[in-house]
Amino acid sequence: MSSLDKRLEAFRRLPLRAQLALITSTQANSALAQNQEYIEGLERVHAECLRESTPQQKAIYEKAQINLTSP
């Protein structure tokens, strides 16, 4: 398993709101934002986790999403 695969597998185990925070902070970091493969992997895993989440998990996530994306 590659290093990227290991990181994405660890990312998969995070709560949805933590995943969102990590994606947001990665995109905001000038050095990390250059690794498009990594960001795409994070977004892909996050979308999979979101599809598989319960209604309760989605409600918590939506609140976190509003807080993270509001100026």
Protein backbone atom coordinates (compact mmCIF):
# COMPACT_ATOMS: atom_id res chain seq x y z
CA MET A 1 0.00 0.00 0.00
CA SER A 2 1.43 3.36 -1.02
CA SER A 3 1.90 6.26 1.36
CA LEU A 4 -1.01 8.10 -0.29
CA ASP A 5 -3.25 5.06 0.11
CA LYS A 6 -2.35 4.82 3.79
CA ARG A 7 -3.12 8.52 4.33
CA LEU A 8 -6.46 8.22 2.54
CA GLU A 9 -7.38 5.14 4.58
CA ALA A 10 -6.65 7.04 7.81
CA PHE A 11 -8.64 10.00 6.46
CA ARG A 12 -11.60 7.67 5.80
CA ARG A 13 -11.84 6.89 9.52
CA LEU A 14 -12.25 10.55 10.52
CA PRO A 15 -15.69 12.00 11.25
CA LEU A 16 -17.20 13.87 8.30
CA ARG A 17 -16.69 17.30 9.87
CA ALA A 18 -13.03 16.50 10.53
CA GLN A 19 -12.67 15.39 6.91
CA LEU A 20 -14.17 18.67 5.76
CA ALA A 21 -11.83 20.67 8.00
CA LEU A 22 -8.82 18.77 6.69
CA ILE A 23 -9.82 19.32 3.06
CA THR A 24 -10.40 23.03 3.70
CA SER A 25 -7.09 23.51 5.51
CA THR A 26 -5.20 21.50 2.87
CA GLN A 27 -6.59 23.68 0.10
CA ALA A 28 -5.69 26.82 2.06
CA ASN A 29 -2.07 25.70 2.59
CA SER A 30 0.06 26.93 -0.32
CA ALA A 31 2.46 23.97 -0.17
CA LEU A 32 -0.18 21.25 0.21
CA ALA A 33 -2.56 22.79 -2.33
CA GLN A 34 -0.03 22.05 -5.06
CA ASN A 35 -0.55 18.28 -4.60
CA GLN A 36 -3.68 17.96 -6.70
CA GLU A 37 -3.64 14.14 -6.57
CA TYR A 38 -3.83 14.25 -2.77
CA ILE A 39 -6.66 16.79 -2.72
CA GLU A 40 -8.63 14.82 -5.32
CA GLY A 41 -8.15 11.68 -3.23
CA LEU A 42 -9.40 13.45 -0.11
CA GLU A 43 -12.44 14.76 -1.95
CA ARG A 44 -13.21 11.34 -3.45
CA VAL A 45 -13.00 9.56 -0.09
CA HIS A 46 -15.03 12.33 1.55
CA ALA A 47 -17.78 11.99 -1.07
CA GLU A 48 -17.88 8.21 -0.51
CA CYS A 49 -18.14 8.67 3.25
CA LEU A 50 -20.86 11.27 2.83
CA ARG A 51 -22.91 8.93 0.61
CA GLU A 52 -22.62 6.18 3.25
CA SER A 53 -23.43 8.41 6.25
CA THR A 54 -26.57 8.26 8.36
CA PRO A 55 -29.12 11.11 8.43
CA GLN A 56 -27.82 12.09 11.89
CA GLN A 57 -24.22 12.21 10.63
CA LYS A 58 -25.32 14.31 7.66
CA ALA A 59 -27.11 16.81 9.93
CA ILE A 60 -23.97 17.26 12.06
CA TYR A 61 -21.90 17.58 8.90
CA GLU A 62 -24.17 20.23 7.39
CA LYS A 63 -23.84 22.39 10.52
CA ALA A 64 -20.06 22.06 10.39
CA GLN A 65 -20.05 22.86 6.67
CA ILE A 66 -21.92 26.10 7.28
CA ASN A 67 -19.50 27.08 10.05
CA LEU A 68 -16.40 26.28 7.99
CA THR A 69 -17.50 27.97 4.80
CA SER A 70 -19.08 31.10 6.28
CA PRO A 71 -16.85 34.19 6.19
